[in-house]
Amino acid sequence: MTLTLTFGDSQQAAVAVAGVRHQHDRVRGVTADATRPFPAGTPYAATDPELLLWVHTTLVWTALEVHDLFVGRLTWDQRARYHREMTAYARQLGVPAAIVPADYADLQRFFTRTVQESLYVGSTAQRLAAAVLDGLPPPSPLRHLGSAVTARLLPPSLRQAYRLPLGPRDEVLLHCVQRLSRASTPLLPPTLRFWPHYRSAVVRVGAIR
C-alpha cells in the first residue's frame, strides 16, 4: 500500500486508499484485557484519528530508521522532506490535517511523547508481536535477524515491554549485516536495488516529460 501510494499514479493511489479505508472500517471492537490506563471493554476503532496518526508516524519513523541503519544516514533536510511529502498520504488515509505534525521536529516530539506517555504493552500486544515474529520465514538465522532488527528499532522501554532481548551477540550480528548492506546496496543493479513500483514510476514520469 505504501509503495503504491508513493510511486503509483493517481488512479492506483486512489484504489489503494479505498482498500485501506475499507479494511479500517472493519476493525472495531472492545479490548479483551485491561491495560493501564484502559480497562477491559474499552472500545476501539481503526478509524480513530489519533490511532491513524500513530500508525502514520510509525511508518514514517521506521522507514527513516531502517534507511539510516542499512542504506546510509540521511540529513536532517532529507528527513524533513520525507515527512513533508508523507503528510499528503496521512490526510488521504483519514488523518485530519489539524493534528498532523507540522514539521519533522514536531513529528519527533510527538513520537517521543507518545512512547513515554501513551503506549502500554499488555498481554494481547505481546501475543500479537510474538505471532508476527514467529511468522518470519525460516531458516532460523533469518528469523533471529528479524527479531534482532525489530528489537533494535524499538525504544528501550517498548523493547523491554515486548520481552525482546538485544544482547551482545545480537548487536554483533546487526553490525555485520549493517556494514554488508551499506557497502553492497550502491553496487546492486537497479532491478535488485529498487522496488518495481519505483522503476515503473521512473518510466512513467520520463514518458510524461
N, C-alpha and C. Protein backbone atom coordinates (compact mmCIF):
# COMPACT_ATOMS: atom_id res chain seq x y z
N MET A 1 0.82 -1.20 0.00
CA MET A 1 0.00 0.00 0.00
C MET A 1 0.86 1.25 0.00
N THR A 2 1.86 1.29 0.85
CA THR A 2 2.73 2.46 0.92
C THR A 2 3.48 2.65 -0.39
N LEU A 3 3.95 1.56 -0.99
CA LEU A 3 4.66 1.66 -2.27
C LEU A 3 3.73 2.17 -3.37
N THR A 4 2.49 1.70 -3.37
CA THR A 4 1.54 2.16 -4.38
C THR A 4 1.21 3.63 -4.19
N LEU A 5 1.02 4.06 -2.94
CA LEU A 5 0.75 5.46 -2.68
C LEU A 5 1.92 6.34 -3.08
N THR A 6 3.13 5.84 -2.84
CA THR A 6 4.32 6.64 -3.11
C THR A 6 4.63 6.73 -4.59
N PHE A 7 4.54 5.60 -5.30
CA PHE A 7 5.03 5.55 -6.67
C PHE A 7 3.93 5.32 -7.72
N GLY A 8 2.70 5.04 -7.30
CA GLY A 8 1.65 4.80 -8.26
C GLY A 8 1.11 6.09 -8.86
N ASP A 9 0.34 5.94 -9.94
CA ASP A 9 -0.33 7.12 -10.50
C ASP A 9 -1.55 7.43 -9.65
N SER A 10 -2.29 8.48 -10.00
CA SER A 10 -3.40 8.94 -9.16
C SER A 10 -4.49 7.87 -9.05
N GLN A 11 -4.74 7.13 -10.12
CA GLN A 11 -5.76 6.10 -10.08
C GLN A 11 -5.35 4.94 -9.18
N GLN A 12 -4.09 4.51 -9.29
CA GLN A 12 -3.60 3.43 -8.45
C GLN A 12 -3.61 3.84 -6.97
N ALA A 13 -3.23 5.08 -6.71
CA ALA A 13 -3.23 5.56 -5.33
C ALA A 13 -4.64 5.61 -4.76
N ALA A 14 -5.61 6.04 -5.58
CA ALA A 14 -6.99 6.11 -5.12
C ALA A 14 -7.52 4.72 -4.78
N VAL A 15 -7.18 3.72 -5.58
CA VAL A 15 -7.62 2.36 -5.31
C VAL A 15 -6.99 1.85 -4.00
N ALA A 16 -5.71 2.14 -3.81
CA ALA A 16 -5.03 1.72 -2.58
C ALA A 16 -5.66 2.36 -1.35
N VAL A 17 -5.95 3.65 -1.42
CA VAL A 17 -6.57 4.36 -0.30
C VAL A 17 -7.94 3.77 0.00
N ALA A 18 -8.72 3.51 -1.04
CA ALA A 18 -10.05 2.93 -0.83
C ALA A 18 -9.96 1.57 -0.16
N GLY A 19 -8.97 0.77 -0.56
CA GLY A 19 -8.79 -0.55 0.05
C GLY A 19 -8.43 -0.45 1.51
N VAL A 20 -7.54 0.47 1.84
CA VAL A 20 -7.13 0.63 3.24
C VAL A 20 -8.31 1.13 4.08
N ARG A 21 -9.03 2.10 3.56
CA ARG A 21 -10.18 2.63 4.31
C ARG A 21 -11.23 1.54 4.54
N HIS A 22 -11.41 0.67 3.54
CA HIS A 22 -12.37 -0.44 3.69
C HIS A 22 -11.93 -1.38 4.81
N GLN A 23 -10.64 -1.69 4.85
CA GLN A 23 -10.13 -2.55 5.91
C GLN A 23 -10.27 -1.87 7.28
N HIS A 24 -9.97 -0.58 7.34
CA HIS A 24 -10.09 0.15 8.60
C HIS A 24 -11.53 0.14 9.12
N ASP A 25 -12.48 0.29 8.22
CA ASP A 25 -13.89 0.33 8.63
C ASP A 25 -14.30 -0.96 9.34
N ARG A 26 -13.62 -2.06 9.04
CA ARG A 26 -13.98 -3.37 9.61
C ARG A 26 -13.33 -3.61 10.97
N VAL A 27 -12.32 -2.81 11.32
CA VAL A 27 -11.56 -3.06 12.55
C VAL A 27 -12.13 -2.19 13.66
N ARG A 28 -12.97 -2.80 14.47
CA ARG A 28 -13.53 -2.10 15.62
C ARG A 28 -13.98 -3.15 16.63
N GLY A 29 -14.04 -2.76 17.88
CA GLY A 29 -14.44 -3.70 18.92
C GLY A 29 -14.15 -3.13 20.29
N VAL A 30 -13.96 -4.01 21.26
CA VAL A 30 -13.62 -3.60 22.62
C VAL A 30 -12.43 -4.44 23.07
N THR A 31 -11.61 -3.87 23.93
CA THR A 31 -10.43 -4.58 24.41
C THR A 31 -10.83 -5.73 25.32
N ALA A 32 -10.11 -6.84 25.16
CA ALA A 32 -10.40 -8.02 25.98
C ALA A 32 -9.69 -7.96 27.32
N ASP A 33 -8.52 -7.34 27.34
CA ASP A 33 -7.71 -7.30 28.57
C ASP A 33 -7.58 -5.87 29.07
N ALA A 34 -7.42 -5.74 30.36
CA ALA A 34 -7.15 -4.43 30.96
C ALA A 34 -5.69 -4.07 30.78
N THR A 35 -5.43 -2.87 30.29
CA THR A 35 -4.06 -2.38 30.12
C THR A 35 -4.04 -0.93 30.58
N ARG A 36 -3.22 -0.63 31.55
CA ARG A 36 -3.15 0.73 32.08
C ARG A 36 -3.00 1.73 30.94
N PRO A 37 -3.83 2.76 30.89
CA PRO A 37 -4.93 3.12 31.79
C PRO A 37 -6.30 2.69 31.26
N PHE A 38 -6.33 1.71 30.34
CA PHE A 38 -7.59 1.35 29.68
C PHE A 38 -8.15 0.07 30.30
N PRO A 39 -9.37 0.12 30.85
CA PRO A 39 -9.98 -1.09 31.41
C PRO A 39 -10.43 -2.04 30.30
N ALA A 40 -10.63 -3.29 30.64
CA ALA A 40 -11.19 -4.23 29.68
C ALA A 40 -12.56 -3.73 29.23
N GLY A 41 -12.84 -3.90 27.95
CA GLY A 41 -14.10 -3.41 27.41
C GLY A 41 -14.02 -2.01 26.83
N THR A 42 -12.80 -1.42 26.80
CA THR A 42 -12.64 -0.11 26.18
C THR A 42 -12.84 -0.22 24.68
N PRO A 43 -13.73 0.59 24.10
CA PRO A 43 -13.96 0.49 22.65
C PRO A 43 -12.79 1.05 21.86
N TYR A 44 -12.57 0.48 20.68
CA TYR A 44 -11.53 0.97 19.78
C TYR A 44 -12.03 0.85 18.34
N ALA A 45 -11.43 1.66 17.46
CA ALA A 45 -11.76 1.60 16.04
C ALA A 45 -10.56 2.08 15.25
N ALA A 46 -10.28 1.39 14.15
CA ALA A 46 -9.12 1.76 13.33
C ALA A 46 -9.29 3.10 12.64
N THR A 47 -10.52 3.62 12.64
CA THR A 47 -10.76 4.93 12.02
C THR A 47 -10.56 6.08 13.01
N ASP A 48 -10.21 5.78 14.24
CA ASP A 48 -9.93 6.82 15.22
C ASP A 48 -8.77 7.69 14.72
N PRO A 49 -8.98 9.00 14.56
CA PRO A 49 -7.92 9.86 14.00
C PRO A 49 -6.60 9.77 14.75
N GLU A 50 -6.65 9.65 16.08
CA GLU A 50 -5.40 9.59 16.85
C GLU A 50 -4.66 8.28 16.58
N LEU A 51 -5.41 7.18 16.44
CA LEU A 51 -4.77 5.91 16.11
C LEU A 51 -4.19 5.95 14.69
N LEU A 52 -4.91 6.54 13.77
CA LEU A 52 -4.41 6.68 12.40
C LEU A 52 -3.13 7.49 12.38
N LEU A 53 -3.10 8.55 13.17
CA LEU A 53 -1.90 9.40 13.23
C LEU A 53 -0.72 8.60 13.78
N TRP A 54 -0.96 7.76 14.79
CA TRP A 54 0.14 6.99 15.36
C TRP A 54 0.68 5.98 14.36
N VAL A 55 -0.21 5.30 13.62
CA VAL A 55 0.23 4.36 12.60
C VAL A 55 1.05 5.09 11.53
N HIS A 56 0.55 6.23 11.09
CA HIS A 56 1.30 7.02 10.09
C HIS A 56 2.68 7.40 10.64
N THR A 57 2.73 7.83 11.88
CA THR A 57 4.00 8.24 12.48
C THR A 57 4.99 7.08 12.53
N THR A 58 4.52 5.90 12.91
CA THR A 58 5.43 4.76 12.99
C THR A 58 5.93 4.35 11.60
N LEU A 59 5.09 4.49 10.57
CA LEU A 59 5.53 4.16 9.21
C LEU A 59 6.65 5.11 8.77
N VAL A 60 6.46 6.40 9.01
CA VAL A 60 7.49 7.38 8.65
C VAL A 60 8.75 7.15 9.46
N TRP A 61 8.58 7.01 10.76
CA TRP A 61 9.73 6.84 11.67
C TRP A 61 10.54 5.60 11.31
N THR A 62 9.86 4.49 11.11
CA THR A 62 10.55 3.23 10.83
C THR A 62 11.28 3.28 9.50
N ALA A 63 10.65 3.85 8.48
CA ALA A 63 11.31 3.95 7.18
C ALA A 63 12.62 4.73 7.29
N LEU A 64 12.61 5.82 8.03
CA LEU A 64 13.81 6.63 8.19
C LEU A 64 14.88 5.88 8.99
N GLU A 65 14.46 5.20 10.05
CA GLU A 65 15.42 4.47 10.88
C GLU A 65 16.05 3.31 10.12
N VAL A 66 15.24 2.58 9.35
CA VAL A 66 15.77 1.45 8.58
C VAL A 66 16.74 1.95 7.52
N HIS A 67 16.42 3.07 6.88
CA HIS A 67 17.34 3.63 5.88
C HIS A 67 18.67 3.99 6.54
N ASP A 68 18.61 4.64 7.69
CA ASP A 68 19.84 5.00 8.38
C ASP A 68 20.67 3.77 8.73
N LEU A 69 20.01 2.71 9.17
CA LEU A 69 20.73 1.52 9.60
C LEU A 69 21.36 0.76 8.44
N PHE A 70 20.59 0.55 7.37
CA PHE A 70 21.01 -0.42 6.37
C PHE A 70 21.33 0.16 4.99
N VAL A 71 21.06 1.45 4.78
CA VAL A 71 21.40 2.07 3.49
C VAL A 71 22.42 3.19 3.68
N GLY A 72 22.12 4.13 4.54
CA GLY A 72 23.03 5.24 4.79
C GLY A 72 22.29 6.34 5.53
N ARG A 73 23.04 7.15 6.25
CA ARG A 73 22.42 8.19 7.07
C ARG A 73 21.86 9.30 6.20
N LEU A 74 20.66 9.73 6.55
CA LEU A 74 20.02 10.84 5.88
C LEU A 74 20.29 12.13 6.65
N THR A 75 20.33 13.23 5.93
CA THR A 75 20.48 14.52 6.59
C THR A 75 19.16 14.95 7.22
N TRP A 76 19.23 15.95 8.06
CA TRP A 76 18.00 16.48 8.66
C TRP A 76 17.05 16.97 7.58
N ASP A 77 17.56 17.65 6.57
CA ASP A 77 16.71 18.17 5.50
C ASP A 77 16.04 17.04 4.72
N GLN A 78 16.76 15.94 4.50
CA GLN A 78 16.16 14.81 3.80
C GLN A 78 15.05 14.17 4.63
N ARG A 79 15.28 14.06 5.92
CA ARG A 79 14.24 13.52 6.80
C ARG A 79 13.02 14.44 6.82
N ALA A 80 13.27 15.73 6.90
CA ALA A 80 12.17 16.70 6.92
C ALA A 80 11.38 16.66 5.63
N ARG A 81 12.07 16.49 4.51
CA ARG A 81 11.38 16.42 3.22
C ARG A 81 10.52 15.16 3.16
N TYR A 82 11.05 14.04 3.63
CA TYR A 82 10.28 12.80 3.60
C TYR A 82 9.02 12.93 4.44
N HIS A 83 9.15 13.50 5.63
CA HIS A 83 7.97 13.73 6.47
C HIS A 83 6.97 14.62 5.75
N ARG A 84 7.47 15.69 5.16
CA ARG A 84 6.58 16.65 4.48
C ARG A 84 5.81 15.99 3.34
N GLU A 85 6.49 15.16 2.56
CA GLU A 85 5.83 14.50 1.43
C GLU A 85 4.85 13.43 1.90
N MET A 86 5.13 12.80 3.03
CA MET A 86 4.26 11.74 3.52
C MET A 86 2.98 12.28 4.18
N THR A 87 2.96 13.56 4.53
CA THR A 87 1.76 14.10 5.17
C THR A 87 0.56 14.05 4.23
N ALA A 88 0.80 14.11 2.93
CA ALA A 88 -0.32 14.01 1.98
C ALA A 88 -1.01 12.66 2.10
N TYR A 89 -0.24 11.60 2.31
CA TYR A 89 -0.81 10.27 2.44
C TYR A 89 -1.57 10.14 3.76
N ALA A 90 -1.06 10.78 4.80
CA ALA A 90 -1.76 10.73 6.08
C ALA A 90 -3.16 11.31 5.93
N ARG A 91 -3.27 12.43 5.24
CA ARG A 91 -4.58 13.06 5.05
C ARG A 91 -5.49 12.18 4.19
N GLN A 92 -4.94 11.55 3.15
CA GLN A 92 -5.74 10.67 2.31
C GLN A 92 -6.31 9.49 3.09
N LEU A 93 -5.57 9.04 4.10
CA LEU A 93 -5.99 7.87 4.87
C LEU A 93 -6.84 8.24 6.08
N GLY A 94 -7.20 9.52 6.18
CA GLY A 94 -8.17 9.91 7.19
C GLY A 94 -7.63 10.66 8.38
N VAL A 95 -6.35 11.02 8.39
CA VAL A 95 -5.81 11.80 9.50
C VAL A 95 -6.14 13.27 9.25
N PRO A 96 -6.88 13.92 10.15
CA PRO A 96 -7.20 15.34 9.95
C PRO A 96 -5.93 16.18 9.86
N ALA A 97 -5.93 17.12 8.93
CA ALA A 97 -4.75 17.97 8.73
C ALA A 97 -4.36 18.71 10.01
N ALA A 98 -5.36 19.01 10.84
CA ALA A 98 -5.11 19.81 12.04
C ALA A 98 -4.23 19.09 13.06
N ILE A 99 -4.18 17.75 13.02
CA ILE A 99 -3.39 17.03 14.03
C ILE A 99 -2.11 16.42 13.45
N VAL A 100 -1.89 16.56 12.15
CA VAL A 100 -0.64 16.06 11.56
C VAL A 100 0.51 16.95 12.02
N PRO A 101 1.61 16.39 12.52
CA PRO A 101 2.75 17.21 12.94
C PRO A 101 3.17 18.19 11.85
N ALA A 102 3.40 19.42 12.25
CA ALA A 102 3.65 20.49 11.28
C ALA A 102 4.96 20.30 10.53
N ASP A 103 5.98 19.77 11.19
CA ASP A 103 7.27 19.57 10.55
C ASP A 103 7.95 18.36 11.19
N TYR A 104 9.17 18.06 10.74
CA TYR A 104 9.84 16.86 11.23
C TYR A 104 10.18 16.97 12.72
N ALA A 105 10.55 18.15 13.19
CA ALA A 105 10.84 18.33 14.61
C ALA A 105 9.58 18.05 15.44
N ASP A 106 8.44 18.50 14.94
CA ASP A 106 7.18 18.25 15.63
C ASP A 106 6.86 16.76 15.64
N LEU A 107 7.17 16.07 14.54
CA LEU A 107 6.97 14.62 14.48
C LEU A 107 7.82 13.92 15.53
N GLN A 108 9.07 14.34 15.66
CA GLN A 108 9.95 13.74 16.67
C GLN A 108 9.38 13.93 18.08
N ARG A 109 8.93 15.14 18.36
CA ARG A 109 8.36 15.41 19.68
C ARG A 109 7.11 14.55 19.92
N PHE A 110 6.26 14.44 18.91
CA PHE A 110 5.06 13.63 19.05
C PHE A 110 5.41 12.17 19.29
N PHE A 111 6.39 11.64 18.56
CA PHE A 111 6.80 10.25 18.72
C PHE A 111 7.31 10.02 20.14
N THR A 112 8.21 10.85 20.60
CA THR A 112 8.79 10.69 21.94
C THR A 112 7.73 10.81 23.02
N ARG A 113 6.86 11.79 22.89
CA ARG A 113 5.81 12.00 23.89
C ARG A 113 4.85 10.81 23.94
N THR A 114 4.49 10.28 22.78
CA THR A 114 3.56 9.14 22.74
C THR A 114 4.18 7.91 23.37
N VAL A 115 5.45 7.65 23.05
CA VAL A 115 6.13 6.48 23.63
C VAL A 115 6.21 6.60 25.15
N GLN A 116 6.50 7.80 25.63
CA GLN A 116 6.70 7.98 27.07
C GLN A 116 5.40 8.03 27.85
N GLU A 117 4.33 8.54 27.23
CA GLU A 117 3.13 8.85 28.00
C GLU A 117 1.90 8.03 27.62
N SER A 118 1.85 7.47 26.41
CA SER A 118 0.58 6.93 25.93
C SER A 118 0.60 5.46 25.54
N LEU A 119 1.77 4.85 25.44
CA LEU A 119 1.83 3.46 24.98
C LEU A 119 1.98 2.50 26.16
N TYR A 120 1.11 1.49 26.17
CA TYR A 120 1.15 0.48 27.22
C TYR A 120 1.03 -0.89 26.55
N VAL A 121 1.97 -1.76 26.85
CA VAL A 121 2.01 -3.08 26.22
C VAL A 121 1.37 -4.10 27.16
N GLY A 122 0.21 -4.59 26.75
CA GLY A 122 -0.48 -5.60 27.54
C GLY A 122 -0.26 -6.99 26.96
N SER A 123 -0.96 -7.96 27.52
CA SER A 123 -0.78 -9.34 27.10
C SER A 123 -1.22 -9.57 25.66
N THR A 124 -2.26 -8.87 25.22
CA THR A 124 -2.70 -9.02 23.84
C THR A 124 -1.62 -8.55 22.87
N ALA A 125 -1.03 -7.39 23.16
CA ALA A 125 0.03 -6.86 22.30
C ALA A 125 1.22 -7.81 22.27
N GLN A 126 1.56 -8.39 23.42
CA GLN A 126 2.67 -9.34 23.46
C GLN A 126 2.38 -10.57 22.62
N ARG A 127 1.15 -11.07 22.68
CA ARG A 127 0.78 -12.24 21.88
C ARG A 127 0.83 -11.93 20.39
N LEU A 128 0.33 -10.75 20.02
CA LEU A 128 0.34 -10.36 18.60
C LEU A 128 1.77 -10.20 18.09
N ALA A 129 2.62 -9.58 18.89
CA ALA A 129 4.01 -9.39 18.48
C ALA A 129 4.70 -10.75 18.29
N ALA A 130 4.46 -11.66 19.20
CA ALA A 130 5.06 -12.99 19.08
C ALA A 130 4.57 -13.70 17.83
N ALA A 131 3.28 -13.53 17.51
CA ALA A 131 2.73 -14.18 16.31
C ALA A 131 3.36 -13.62 15.05
N VAL A 132 3.59 -12.30 15.02
CA VAL A 132 4.22 -11.68 13.85
C VAL A 132 5.64 -12.20 13.68
N LEU A 133 6.41 -12.20 14.76
CA LEU A 133 7.81 -12.61 14.67
C LEU A 133 7.94 -14.11 14.42
N ASP A 134 7.03 -14.91 14.94
CA ASP A 134 7.07 -16.35 14.68
C ASP A 134 6.73 -16.65 13.22
N GLY A 135 6.07 -15.70 12.57
CA GLY A 135 5.71 -15.90 11.18
C GLY A 135 6.80 -15.55 10.20
N LEU A 136 7.95 -15.06 10.70
CA LEU A 136 9.06 -14.75 9.81
C LEU A 136 9.58 -16.04 9.18
N PRO A 137 10.08 -15.96 7.95
CA PRO A 137 10.45 -17.19 7.24
C PRO A 137 11.67 -17.87 7.85
N PRO A 138 11.69 -19.20 7.81
CA PRO A 138 12.92 -19.91 8.17
C PRO A 138 13.94 -19.70 7.06
N PRO A 139 15.19 -20.08 7.20
CA PRO A 139 15.75 -20.78 8.36
C PRO A 139 15.90 -19.89 9.58
N SER A 140 16.23 -20.50 10.68
CA SER A 140 16.25 -19.80 11.95
C SER A 140 17.16 -18.57 11.99
N PRO A 141 18.33 -18.56 11.30
CA PRO A 141 19.13 -17.33 11.35
C PRO A 141 18.37 -16.11 10.84
N LEU A 142 17.56 -16.27 9.78
CA LEU A 142 16.78 -15.16 9.27
C LEU A 142 15.73 -14.73 10.28
N ARG A 143 15.12 -15.71 10.93
CA ARG A 143 14.12 -15.38 11.95
C ARG A 143 14.77 -14.65 13.11
N HIS A 144 15.96 -15.10 13.51
CA HIS A 144 16.66 -14.43 14.60
C HIS A 144 17.04 -13.01 14.20
N LEU A 145 17.47 -12.83 12.95
CA LEU A 145 17.83 -11.49 12.48
C LEU A 145 16.60 -10.59 12.50
N GLY A 146 15.45 -11.12 12.07
CA GLY A 146 14.23 -10.31 12.09
C GLY A 146 13.88 -9.85 13.49
N SER A 147 14.03 -10.73 14.46
CA SER A 147 13.75 -10.36 15.85
C SER A 147 14.75 -9.32 16.34
N ALA A 148 16.02 -9.48 15.96
CA ALA A 148 17.05 -8.53 16.40
C ALA A 148 16.81 -7.16 15.80
N VAL A 149 16.43 -7.10 14.52
CA VAL A 149 16.15 -5.81 13.87
C VAL A 149 14.95 -5.15 14.55
N THR A 150 13.92 -5.95 14.82
CA THR A 150 12.74 -5.40 15.49
C THR A 150 13.11 -4.82 16.84
N ALA A 151 13.89 -5.55 17.61
CA ALA A 151 14.30 -5.07 18.93
C ALA A 151 15.14 -3.80 18.81
N ARG A 152 16.01 -3.75 17.82
CA ARG A 152 16.87 -2.58 17.64
C ARG A 152 16.08 -1.33 17.29
N LEU A 153 14.99 -1.49 16.54
CA LEU A 153 14.20 -0.33 16.12
C LEU A 153 13.29 0.19 17.22
N LEU A 154 12.97 -0.64 18.20
CA LEU A 154 12.08 -0.21 19.27
C LEU A 154 12.81 0.65 20.30
N PRO A 155 12.14 1.66 20.85
CA PRO A 155 12.71 2.36 22.01
C PRO A 155 12.92 1.36 23.14
N PRO A 156 13.93 1.58 23.98
CA PRO A 156 14.25 0.61 25.04
C PRO A 156 13.06 0.22 25.91
N SER A 157 12.20 1.17 26.26
CA SER A 157 11.07 0.86 27.14
C SER A 157 10.12 -0.14 26.47
N LEU A 158 9.88 0.02 25.17
CA LEU A 158 8.99 -0.90 24.47
C LEU A 158 9.68 -2.24 24.20
N ARG A 159 10.98 -2.19 23.95
CA ARG A 159 11.74 -3.43 23.76
C ARG A 159 11.61 -4.32 25.00
N GLN A 160 11.71 -3.69 26.15
CA GLN A 160 11.60 -4.44 27.39
C GLN A 160 10.17 -4.93 27.60
N ALA A 161 9.19 -4.09 27.29
CA ALA A 161 7.79 -4.46 27.50
C ALA A 161 7.38 -5.62 26.60
N TYR A 162 7.95 -5.66 25.38
CA TYR A 162 7.64 -6.76 24.46
C TYR A 162 8.53 -7.99 24.70
N ARG A 163 9.43 -7.89 25.67
CA ARG A 163 10.32 -9.00 26.03
C ARG A 163 11.17 -9.44 24.84
N LEU A 164 11.73 -8.46 24.16
CA LEU A 164 12.60 -8.73 23.03
C LEU A 164 14.04 -8.44 23.45
N PRO A 165 14.85 -9.46 23.66
CA PRO A 165 16.23 -9.22 24.10
C PRO A 165 17.08 -8.65 22.96
N LEU A 166 18.07 -7.89 23.34
CA LEU A 166 19.05 -7.38 22.38
C LEU A 166 20.41 -7.45 23.06
N GLY A 167 20.98 -8.65 23.04
CA GLY A 167 22.23 -8.90 23.73
C GLY A 167 23.44 -8.61 22.87
N PRO A 168 24.64 -8.83 23.42
CA PRO A 168 25.88 -8.57 22.68
C PRO A 168 25.97 -9.33 21.35
N ARG A 169 25.52 -10.58 21.32
CA ARG A 169 25.57 -11.34 20.06
C ARG A 169 24.64 -10.73 19.03
N ASP A 170 23.48 -10.24 19.48
CA ASP A 170 22.55 -9.57 18.56
C ASP A 170 23.17 -8.30 17.99
N GLU A 171 23.86 -7.55 18.84
CA GLU A 171 24.49 -6.31 18.39
C GLU A 171 25.57 -6.61 17.36
N VAL A 172 26.36 -7.66 17.58
CA VAL A 172 27.40 -8.03 16.62
C VAL A 172 26.78 -8.43 15.29
N LEU A 173 25.71 -9.24 15.34
CA LEU A 173 25.02 -9.67 14.12
C LEU A 173 24.49 -8.46 13.35
N LEU A 174 23.85 -7.54 14.05
CA LEU A 174 23.30 -6.36 13.40
C LEU A 174 24.39 -5.49 12.79
N HIS A 175 25.49 -5.37 13.50
CA HIS A 175 26.60 -4.55 12.99
C HIS A 175 27.15 -5.14 11.70
N CYS A 176 27.30 -6.46 11.64
CA CYS A 176 27.83 -7.11 10.43
C CYS A 176 26.86 -6.95 9.27
N VAL A 177 25.57 -7.18 9.53
CA VAL A 177 24.57 -7.03 8.47
C VAL A 177 24.50 -5.58 8.00
N GLN A 178 24.60 -4.66 8.94
CA GLN A 178 24.56 -3.24 8.60
C GLN A 178 25.71 -2.86 7.68
N ARG A 179 26.92 -3.28 8.01
CA ARG A 179 28.08 -2.95 7.17
C ARG A 179 27.97 -3.58 5.80
N LEU A 180 27.52 -4.83 5.75
CA LEU A 180 27.36 -5.52 4.47
C LEU A 180 26.31 -4.83 3.61
N SER A 181 25.20 -4.47 4.22
CA SER A 181 24.12 -3.84 3.48
C SER A 181 24.53 -2.46 2.95
N ARG A 182 25.16 -1.66 3.80
CA ARG A 182 25.58 -0.32 3.37
C ARG A 182 26.60 -0.39 2.24
N ALA A 183 27.49 -1.38 2.29
CA ALA A 183 28.53 -1.49 1.28
C ALA A 183 27.99 -2.04 -0.03
N SER A 184 27.05 -2.97 0.05
CA SER A 184 26.60 -3.65 -1.17
C SER A 184 25.46 -2.94 -1.89
N THR A 185 24.63 -2.21 -1.16
CA THR A 185 23.45 -1.59 -1.78
C THR A 185 23.80 -0.69 -2.97
N PRO A 186 24.80 0.19 -2.86
CA PRO A 186 25.11 1.05 -4.02
C PRO A 186 25.61 0.27 -5.24
N LEU A 187 26.06 -0.96 -5.03
CA LEU A 187 26.62 -1.75 -6.12
C LEU A 187 25.58 -2.61 -6.83
N LEU A 188 24.39 -2.71 -6.27
CA LEU A 188 23.36 -3.57 -6.86
C LEU A 188 22.81 -2.95 -8.15
N PRO A 189 22.45 -3.78 -9.12
CA PRO A 189 21.79 -3.26 -10.32
C PRO A 189 20.39 -2.77 -9.97
N PRO A 190 19.83 -1.87 -10.75
CA PRO A 190 18.51 -1.30 -10.42
C PRO A 190 17.42 -2.34 -10.20
N THR A 191 17.48 -3.46 -10.94
CA THR A 191 16.44 -4.48 -10.79
C THR A 191 16.44 -5.10 -9.40
N LEU A 192 17.57 -5.07 -8.72
CA LEU A 192 17.65 -5.62 -7.37
C LEU A 192 17.60 -4.53 -6.30
N ARG A 193 18.09 -3.35 -6.64
CA ARG A 193 18.19 -2.29 -5.64
C ARG A 193 16.84 -1.60 -5.41
N PHE A 194 16.02 -1.46 -6.46
CA PHE A 194 14.81 -0.65 -6.34
C PHE A 194 13.55 -1.51 -6.50
N TRP A 195 12.49 -1.12 -5.78
CA TRP A 195 11.21 -1.78 -5.91
C TRP A 195 10.68 -1.63 -7.33
N PRO A 196 9.94 -2.63 -7.83
CA PRO A 196 9.32 -2.49 -9.15
C PRO A 196 8.42 -1.25 -9.25
N HIS A 197 7.77 -0.88 -8.15
CA HIS A 197 6.90 0.30 -8.14
C HIS A 197 7.70 1.56 -8.51
N TYR A 198 8.91 1.65 -7.95
CA TYR A 198 9.75 2.82 -8.23
C TYR A 198 10.20 2.81 -9.68
N ARG A 199 10.62 1.66 -10.19
CA ARG A 199 11.10 1.60 -11.56
C ARG A 199 9.98 1.94 -12.54
N SER A 200 8.77 1.49 -12.26
CA SER A 200 7.64 1.84 -13.12
C SER A 200 7.36 3.34 -13.08
N ALA A 201 7.49 3.92 -11.89
CA ALA A 201 7.24 5.36 -11.77
C ALA A 201 8.27 6.17 -12.55
N VAL A 202 9.52 5.74 -12.52
CA VAL A 202 10.57 6.44 -13.26
C VAL A 202 10.26 6.40 -14.76
N VAL A 203 9.85 5.23 -15.25
CA VAL A 203 9.49 5.11 -16.67
C VAL A 203 8.31 6.01 -17.00
N ARG A 204 7.28 6.00 -16.12
CA ARG A 204 6.08 6.78 -16.38
C ARG A 204 6.38 8.28 -16.37
N VAL A 205 7.12 8.75 -15.40
CA VAL A 205 7.45 10.17 -15.31
C VAL A 205 8.34 10.58 -16.49
N GLY A 206 9.28 9.71 -16.85
CA GLY A 206 10.12 10.02 -18.01
C GLY A 206 9.32 10.14 -19.28
N ALA A 207 8.30 9.28 -19.42
CA ALA A 207 7.47 9.33 -20.63
C ALA A 207 6.64 10.60 -20.65
N ILE A 208 6.18 11.06 -19.46
CA ILE A 208 5.38 12.29 -19.40
C ILE A 208 6.23 13.48 -19.78
N ARG A 209 7.45 13.50 -19.29
CA ARG A 209 8.34 14.62 -19.59
C ARG A 209 8.73 14.63 -21.07
